[in-house]
């Protein structure tokens, strides 16, 4: 199954973090928001209620995982 299909199957409608292979100032870019949709070659992530959704080319996706409440608050275990 393709990355997009797997992500949508398990994470559609949930808060996610999408890590990309795109670098900015020496860091890999991450996009966090609600996984809204996707298709062959792309994922759609809604970062905020007042913003347009971001369309991510899946060729540049390094990882996708569900964001937890602890991560949202910045309360990581040590």
PDB file of N, CA and C in Angstrom:
ATOM      1  N   UNK A   1       0.839  -1.170   0.000  1.00  0.00           N
ATOM      2  CA  UNK A   1       0.000   0.000   0.000  1.00  0.00           C
ATOM      3  C   UNK A   1       0.896   1.248   0.000  1.00  0.00           C
ATOM      4  N   UNK A   2       0.494   2.264  -0.718  1.00  0.00           N
ATOM      5  CA  UNK A   2       1.278   3.501  -0.824  1.00  0.00           C
ATOM      6  C   UNK A   2       1.236   4.296   0.481  1.00  0.00           C
ATOM      7  N   UNK A   3       2.215   5.137   0.669  1.00  0.00           N
ATOM      8  CA  UNK A   3       2.307   5.982   1.859  1.00  0.00           C
ATOM      9  C   UNK A   3       1.017   6.756   2.091  1.00  0.00           C
ATOM     10  N   UNK A   4       0.478   7.355   1.036  1.00  0.00           N
ATOM     11  CA  UNK A   4      -0.736   8.157   1.165  1.00  0.00           C
ATOM     12  C   UNK A   4      -1.897   7.304   1.664  1.00  0.00           C
ATOM     13  N   UNK A   5      -2.039   6.106   1.111  1.00  0.00           N
ATOM     14  CA  UNK A   5      -3.125   5.211   1.505  1.00  0.00           C
ATOM     15  C   UNK A   5      -3.002   4.798   2.973  1.00  0.00           C
ATOM     16  N   UNK A   6      -1.802   4.456   3.389  1.00  0.00           N
ATOM     17  CA  UNK A   6      -1.567   4.056   4.777  1.00  0.00           C
ATOM     18  C   UNK A   6      -1.837   5.214   5.738  1.00  0.00           C
ATOM     19  N   UNK A   7      -1.337   6.403   5.395  1.00  0.00           N
ATOM     20  CA  UNK A   7      -1.550   7.571   6.247  1.00  0.00           C
ATOM     21  C   UNK A   7      -3.038   7.872   6.385  1.00  0.00           C
ATOM     22  N   UNK A   8      -3.759   7.855   5.275  1.00  0.00           N
ATOM     23  CA  UNK A   8      -5.195   8.139   5.323  1.00  0.00           C
ATOM     24  C   UNK A   8      -5.964   7.056   6.072  1.00  0.00           C
ATOM     25  N   UNK A   9      -5.572   5.813   5.899  1.00  0.00           N
ATOM     26  CA  UNK A   9      -6.263   4.700   6.554  1.00  0.00           C
ATOM     27  C   UNK A   9      -6.214   4.841   8.074  1.00  0.00           C
ATOM     28  N   UNK A  10      -5.064   5.206   8.608  1.00  0.00           N
ATOM     29  CA  UNK A  10      -4.887   5.237  10.061  1.00  0.00           C
ATOM     30  C   UNK A  10      -4.977   6.635  10.682  1.00  0.00           C
ATOM     31  N   UNK A  11      -4.716   7.677   9.896  1.00  0.00           N
ATOM     32  CA  UNK A  11      -4.555   9.002  10.502  1.00  0.00           C
ATOM     33  C   UNK A  11      -5.502  10.085   9.982  1.00  0.00           C
ATOM     34  N   UNK A  12      -6.362   9.783   9.031  1.00  0.00           N
ATOM     35  CA  UNK A  12      -7.250  10.808   8.486  1.00  0.00           C
ATOM     36  C   UNK A  12      -8.116  11.392   9.599  1.00  0.00           C
ATOM     37  N   UNK A  13      -8.167  12.726   9.654  1.00  0.00           N
ATOM     38  CA  UNK A  13      -8.948  13.427  10.659  1.00  0.00           C
ATOM     39  C   UNK A  13      -8.241  13.615  11.985  1.00  0.00           C
ATOM     40  N   UNK A  14      -7.024  13.089  12.112  1.00  0.00           N
ATOM     41  CA  UNK A  14      -6.261  13.206  13.358  1.00  0.00           C
ATOM     42  C   UNK A  14      -5.168  14.256  13.208  1.00  0.00           C
ATOM     43  N   UNK A  15      -4.681  14.754  14.352  1.00  0.00           N
ATOM     44  CA  UNK A  15      -3.548  15.680  14.357  1.00  0.00           C
ATOM     45  C   UNK A  15      -2.285  14.878  14.055  1.00  0.00           C
ATOM     46  N   UNK A  16      -1.528  15.331  13.077  1.00  0.00           N
ATOM     47  CA  UNK A  16      -0.325  14.628  12.664  1.00  0.00           C
ATOM     48  C   UNK A  16       0.855  15.593  12.529  1.00  0.00           C
ATOM     49  N   UNK A  17       2.026  15.012  12.483  1.00  0.00           N
ATOM     50  CA  UNK A  17       3.254  15.723  12.126  1.00  0.00           C
ATOM     51  C   UNK A  17       3.791  15.031  10.889  1.00  0.00           C
ATOM     52  N   UNK A  18       4.012  15.812   9.839  1.00  0.00           N
ATOM     53  CA  UNK A  18       4.575  15.294   8.596  1.00  0.00           C
ATOM     54  C   UNK A  18       5.992  15.835   8.488  1.00  0.00           C
ATOM     55  N   UNK A  19       6.958  14.956   8.551  1.00  0.00           N
ATOM     56  CA  UNK A  19       8.353  15.342   8.363  1.00  0.00           C
ATOM     57  C   UNK A  19       8.700  15.228   6.896  1.00  0.00           C
ATOM     58  N   UNK A  20       9.404  16.221   6.387  1.00  0.00           N
ATOM     59  CA  UNK A  20       9.757  16.211   4.969  1.00  0.00           C
ATOM     60  C   UNK A  20      11.270  16.121   4.788  1.00  0.00           C
ATOM     61  N   UNK A  21      11.678  15.879   3.569  1.00  0.00           N
ATOM     62  CA  UNK A  21      13.096  15.859   3.237  1.00  0.00           C
ATOM     63  C   UNK A  21      13.570  17.238   2.788  1.00  0.00           C
ATOM     64  N   UNK A  22      12.682  18.231   2.840  1.00  0.00           N
ATOM     65  CA  UNK A  22      13.008  19.593   2.436  1.00  0.00           C
ATOM     66  C   UNK A  22      13.716  20.298   3.587  1.00  0.00           C
ATOM     67  N   UNK A  23      14.887  20.876   3.299  1.00  0.00           N
ATOM     68  CA  UNK A  23      15.655  21.552   4.340  1.00  0.00           C
ATOM     69  C   UNK A  23      15.509  23.060   4.236  1.00  0.00           C
ATOM     70  N   UNK A  24      15.443  23.702   5.398  1.00  0.00           N
ATOM     71  CA  UNK A  24      15.411  25.149   5.487  1.00  0.00           C
ATOM     72  C   UNK A  24      16.336  25.549   6.622  1.00  0.00           C
ATOM     73  N   UNK A  25      17.354  26.319   6.319  1.00  0.00           N
ATOM     74  CA  UNK A  25      18.348  26.762   7.296  1.00  0.00           C
ATOM     75  C   UNK A  25      18.980  25.579   8.034  1.00  0.00           C
ATOM     76  N   UNK A  26      19.197  24.487   7.322  1.00  0.00           N
ATOM     77  CA  UNK A  26      19.875  23.324   7.880  1.00  0.00           C
ATOM     78  C   UNK A  26      18.984  22.362   8.637  1.00  0.00           C
ATOM     79  N   UNK A  27      17.689  22.623   8.699  1.00  0.00           N
ATOM     80  CA  UNK A  27      16.756  21.758   9.424  1.00  0.00           C
ATOM     81  C   UNK A  27      15.720  21.187   8.457  1.00  0.00           C
ATOM     82  N   UNK A  28      15.308  19.944   8.728  1.00  0.00           N
ATOM     83  CA  UNK A  28      14.227  19.355   7.947  1.00  0.00           C
ATOM     84  C   UNK A  28      12.922  20.025   8.347  1.00  0.00           C
ATOM     85  N   UNK A  29      12.086  20.320   7.375  1.00  0.00           N
ATOM     86  CA  UNK A  29      10.814  20.966   7.658  1.00  0.00           C
ATOM     87  C   UNK A  29       9.775  19.951   8.113  1.00  0.00           C
ATOM     88  N   UNK A  30       8.981  20.349   9.115  1.00  0.00           N
ATOM     89  CA  UNK A  30       7.862  19.554   9.588  1.00  0.00           C
ATOM     90  C   UNK A  30       6.597  20.381   9.468  1.00  0.00           C
ATOM     91  N   UNK A  31       5.516  19.712   9.169  1.00  0.00           N
ATOM     92  CA  UNK A  31       4.208  20.358   9.080  1.00  0.00           C
ATOM     93  C   UNK A  31       3.309  19.640  10.063  1.00  0.00           C
ATOM     94  N   UNK A  32       2.679  20.398  10.961  1.00  0.00           N
ATOM     95  CA  UNK A  32       1.752  19.771  11.895  1.00  0.00           C
ATOM     96  C   UNK A  32       0.370  20.343  11.688  1.00  0.00           C
ATOM     97  N   UNK A  33      -0.614  19.484  11.805  1.00  0.00           N
ATOM     98  CA  UNK A  33      -1.997  19.883  11.622  1.00  0.00           C
ATOM     99  C   UNK A  33      -2.868  18.652  11.490  1.00  0.00           C
ATOM    100  N   UNK A  34      -4.072  18.839  10.996  1.00  0.00           N
ATOM    101  CA  UNK A  34      -5.016  17.747  10.819  1.00  0.00           C
ATOM    102  C   UNK A  34      -4.890  17.188   9.403  1.00  0.00           C
ATOM    103  N   UNK A  35      -4.715  15.881   9.321  1.00  0.00           N
ATOM    104  CA  UNK A  35      -4.652  15.229   8.007  1.00  0.00           C
ATOM    105  C   UNK A  35      -6.063  15.178   7.440  1.00  0.00           C
ATOM    106  N   UNK A  36      -6.296  15.942   6.377  1.00  0.00           N
ATOM    107  CA  UNK A  36      -7.629  16.087   5.817  1.00  0.00           C
ATOM    108  C   UNK A  36      -7.919  15.098   4.685  1.00  0.00           C
ATOM    109  N   UNK A  37      -6.936  14.923   3.803  1.00  0.00           N
ATOM    110  CA  UNK A  37      -7.181  14.122   2.610  1.00  0.00           C
ATOM    111  C   UNK A  37      -5.847  13.790   1.961  1.00  0.00           C
ATOM    112  N   UNK A  38      -5.898  13.156   0.834  1.00  0.00           N
ATOM    113  CA  UNK A  38      -4.697  12.824   0.088  1.00  0.00           C
ATOM    114  C   UNK A  38      -5.064  12.021  -1.128  1.00  0.00           C
ATOM    115  N   UNK A  39      -4.076  11.729  -1.916  1.00  0.00           N
ATOM    116  CA  UNK A  39      -4.275  10.948  -3.124  1.00  0.00           C
ATOM    117  C   UNK A  39      -2.937  10.479  -3.624  1.00  0.00           C
ATOM    118  N   UNK A  40      -2.897  10.048  -4.851  1.00  0.00           N
ATOM    119  CA  UNK A  40      -1.664   9.542  -5.422  1.00  0.00           C
ATOM    120  C   UNK A  40      -0.660  10.678  -5.539  1.00  0.00           C
ATOM    121  N   UNK A  41       0.323  10.694  -4.660  1.00  0.00           N
ATOM    122  CA  UNK A  41       1.395  11.664  -4.728  1.00  0.00           C
ATOM    123  C   UNK A  41       1.267  12.872  -3.821  1.00  0.00           C
ATOM    124  N   UNK A  42       0.211  12.934  -2.982  1.00  0.00           N
ATOM    125  CA  UNK A  42       0.079  14.109  -2.120  1.00  0.00           C
ATOM    126  C   UNK A  42      -0.739  13.806  -0.858  1.00  0.00           C
ATOM    127  N   UNK A  43      -0.507  14.641   0.169  1.00  0.00           N
ATOM    128  CA  UNK A  43      -1.305  14.649   1.387  1.00  0.00           C
ATOM    129  C   UNK A  43      -1.773  16.075   1.624  1.00  0.00           C
ATOM    130  N   UNK A  44      -2.945  16.245   2.218  1.00  0.00           N
ATOM    131  CA  UNK A  44      -3.482  17.565   2.518  1.00  0.00           C
ATOM    132  C   UNK A  44      -3.553  17.709   4.035  1.00  0.00           C
ATOM    133  N   UNK A  45      -2.845  18.730   4.567  1.00  0.00           N
ATOM    134  CA  UNK A  45      -2.784  18.969   6.002  1.00  0.00           C
ATOM    135  C   UNK A  45      -3.328  20.366   6.295  1.00  0.00           C
ATOM    136  N   UNK A  46      -4.300  20.443   7.205  1.00  0.00           N
ATOM    137  CA  UNK A  46      -4.874  21.722   7.632  1.00  0.00           C
ATOM    138  C   UNK A  46      -4.138  22.141   8.894  1.00  0.00           C
ATOM    139  N   UNK A  47      -3.298  23.189   8.779  1.00  0.00           N
ATOM    140  CA  UNK A  47      -2.468  23.601   9.909  1.00  0.00           C
ATOM    141  C   UNK A  47      -3.226  24.413  10.951  1.00  0.00           C
ATOM    142  N   UNK A  48      -4.202  25.177  10.528  1.00  0.00           N
ATOM    143  CA  UNK A  48      -4.981  25.982  11.453  1.00  0.00           C
ATOM    144  C   UNK A  48      -6.339  26.250  10.856  1.00  0.00           C
ATOM    145  N   UNK A  49      -7.290  26.652  11.696  1.00  0.00           N
ATOM    146  CA  UNK A  49      -8.650  26.871  11.206  1.00  0.00           C
ATOM    147  C   UNK A  49      -8.735  28.045  10.237  1.00  0.00           C
ATOM    148  N   UNK A  50      -7.881  29.049  10.418  1.00  0.00           N
ATOM    149  CA  UNK A  50      -7.961  30.262   9.615  1.00  0.00           C
ATOM    150  C   UNK A  50      -7.002  30.276   8.426  1.00  0.00           C
ATOM    151  N   UNK A  51      -6.351  29.152   8.155  1.00  0.00           N
ATOM    152  CA  UNK A  51      -5.383  29.108   7.063  1.00  0.00           C
ATOM    153  C   UNK A  51      -5.844  28.132   5.980  1.00  0.00           C
ATOM    154  N   UNK A  52      -5.310  28.319   4.811  1.00  0.00           N
ATOM    155  CA  UNK A  52      -5.571  27.371   3.726  1.00  0.00           C
ATOM    156  C   UNK A  52      -4.814  26.086   4.006  1.00  0.00           C
ATOM    157  N   UNK A  53      -5.340  24.951   3.574  1.00  0.00           N
ATOM    158  CA  UNK A  53      -4.624  23.690   3.776  1.00  0.00           C
ATOM    159  C   UNK A  53      -3.314  23.660   2.988  1.00  0.00           C
ATOM    160  N   UNK A  54      -2.388  22.870   3.476  1.00  0.00           N
ATOM    161  CA  UNK A  54      -1.099  22.687   2.816  1.00  0.00           C
ATOM    162  C   UNK A  54      -1.125  21.360   2.065  1.00  0.00           C
ATOM    163  N   UNK A  55      -0.744  21.390   0.814  1.00  0.00           N
ATOM    164  CA  UNK A  55      -0.649  20.172   0.009  1.00  0.00           C
ATOM    165  C   UNK A  55       0.820  19.760  -0.018  1.00  0.00           C
ATOM    166  N   UNK A  56       1.092  18.564   0.473  1.00  0.00           N
ATOM    167  CA  UNK A  56       2.460  18.068   0.603  1.00  0.00           C
ATOM    168  C   UNK A  56       2.710  17.004  -0.450  1.00  0.00           C
ATOM    169  N   UNK A  57       3.748  17.201  -1.258  1.00  0.00           N
ATOM    170  CA  UNK A  57       4.150  16.213  -2.253  1.00  0.00           C
ATOM    171  C   UNK A  57       4.723  15.014  -1.499  1.00  0.00           C
ATOM    172  N   UNK A  58       4.109  13.853  -1.649  1.00  0.00           N
ATOM    173  CA  UNK A  58       4.532  12.688  -0.873  1.00  0.00           C
ATOM    174  C   UNK A  58       5.924  12.191  -1.250  1.00  0.00           C
ATOM    175  N   UNK A  59       6.463  12.633  -2.370  1.00  0.00           N
ATOM    176  CA  UNK A  59       7.836  12.271  -2.722  1.00  0.00           C
ATOM    177  C   UNK A  59       8.832  12.882  -1.738  1.00  0.00           C
ATOM    178  N   UNK A  60       8.392  13.922  -1.016  1.00  0.00           N
ATOM    179  CA  UNK A  60       9.260  14.600  -0.046  1.00  0.00           C
ATOM    180  C   UNK A  60       8.914  14.271   1.395  1.00  0.00           C
ATOM    181  N   UNK A  61       8.020  13.318   1.622  1.00  0.00           N
ATOM    182  CA  UNK A  61       7.632  12.944   2.984  1.00  0.00           C
ATOM    183  C   UNK A  61       8.615  11.913   3.531  1.00  0.00           C
ATOM    184  N   UNK A  62       9.215  12.243   4.674  1.00  0.00           N
ATOM    185  CA  UNK A  62      10.143  11.320   5.327  1.00  0.00           C
ATOM    186  C   UNK A  62       9.422  10.478   6.374  1.00  0.00           C
ATOM    187  N   UNK A  63       8.438  11.079   7.084  1.00  0.00           N
ATOM    188  CA  UNK A  63       7.672  10.361   8.089  1.00  0.00           C
ATOM    189  C   UNK A  63       6.357  11.068   8.339  1.00  0.00           C
ATOM    190  N   UNK A  64       5.406  10.308   8.885  1.00  0.00           N
ATOM    191  CA  UNK A  64       4.117  10.847   9.320  1.00  0.00           C
ATOM    192  C   UNK A  64       3.783  10.130  10.620  1.00  0.00           C
ATOM    193  N   UNK A  65       3.437  10.891  11.652  1.00  0.00           N
ATOM    194  CA  UNK A  65       2.995  10.257  12.883  1.00  0.00           C
ATOM    195  C   UNK A  65       1.917  11.091  13.549  1.00  0.00           C
ATOM    196  N   UNK A  66       1.131  10.446  14.401  1.00  0.00           N
ATOM    197  CA  UNK A  66       0.054  11.131  15.105  1.00  0.00           C
ATOM    198  C   UNK A  66       0.647  11.977  16.220  1.00  0.00           C
ATOM    199  N   UNK A  67       0.200  13.204  16.282  1.00  0.00           N
ATOM    200  CA  UNK A  67       0.658  14.123  17.328  1.00  0.00           C
ATOM    201  C   UNK A  67      -0.131  13.816  18.598  1.00  0.00           C
ATOM    202  N   UNK A  68       0.579  13.739  19.727  1.00  0.00           N
ATOM    203  CA  UNK A  68      -0.085  13.467  20.997  1.00  0.00           C
ATOM    204  C   UNK A  68      -0.268  14.761  21.772  1.00  0.00           C
ATOM    205  N   UNK A  69      -1.094  14.715  22.798  1.00  0.00           N
ATOM    206  CA  UNK A  69      -1.335  15.899  23.624  1.00  0.00           C
ATOM    207  C   UNK A  69      -0.053  16.375  24.279  1.00  0.00           C
ATOM    208  N   UNK A  70       0.805  15.455  24.726  1.00  0.00           N
ATOM    209  CA  UNK A  70       2.072  15.834  25.357  1.00  0.00           C
ATOM    210  C   UNK A  70       2.940  16.642  24.409  1.00  0.00           C
ATOM    211  N   UNK A  71       2.970  16.246  23.129  1.00  0.00           N
ATOM    212  CA  UNK A  71       3.789  16.953  22.146  1.00  0.00           C
ATOM    213  C   UNK A  71       3.234  18.340  21.871  1.00  0.00           C
ATOM    214  N   UNK A  72       1.910  18.470  21.836  1.00  0.00           N
ATOM    215  CA  UNK A  72       1.297  19.772  21.584  1.00  0.00           C
ATOM    216  C   UNK A  72       1.656  20.770  22.670  1.00  0.00           C
ATOM    217  N   UNK A  73       1.755  20.294  23.911  1.00  0.00           N
ATOM    218  CA  UNK A  73       2.056  21.166  25.036  1.00  0.00           C
ATOM    219  C   UNK A  73       3.565  21.345  25.218  1.00  0.00           C
ATOM    220  N   UNK A  74       4.356  20.604  24.469  1.00  0.00           N
ATOM    221  CA  UNK A  74       5.808  20.671  24.627  1.00  0.00           C
ATOM    222  C   UNK A  74       6.289  19.973  25.892  1.00  0.00           C
ATOM    223  N   UNK A  75       5.506  19.046  26.393  1.00  0.00           N
ATOM    224  CA  UNK A  75       5.802  18.348  27.643  1.00  0.00           C
ATOM    225  C   UNK A  75       6.343  16.965  27.328  1.00  0.00           C
ATOM    226  N   UNK A  76       7.586  16.900  26.873  1.00  0.00           N
ATOM    227  CA  UNK A  76       8.184  15.635  26.479  1.00  0.00           C
ATOM    228  C   UNK A  76       8.771  14.910  27.671  1.00  0.00           C
ATOM    229  N   UNK A  77       8.673  13.599  27.724  1.00  0.00           N
ATOM    230  CA  UNK A  77       9.293  12.834  28.819  1.00  0.00           C
ATOM    231  C   UNK A  77      10.817  12.914  28.725  1.00  0.00           C
ATOM    232  N   UNK A  78      11.455  12.836  29.852  1.00  0.00           N
ATOM    233  CA  UNK A  78      12.930  12.919  29.867  1.00  0.00           C
ATOM    234  C   UNK A  78      13.556  11.571  29.960  1.00  0.00           C
TER     235      UNK A  78
END
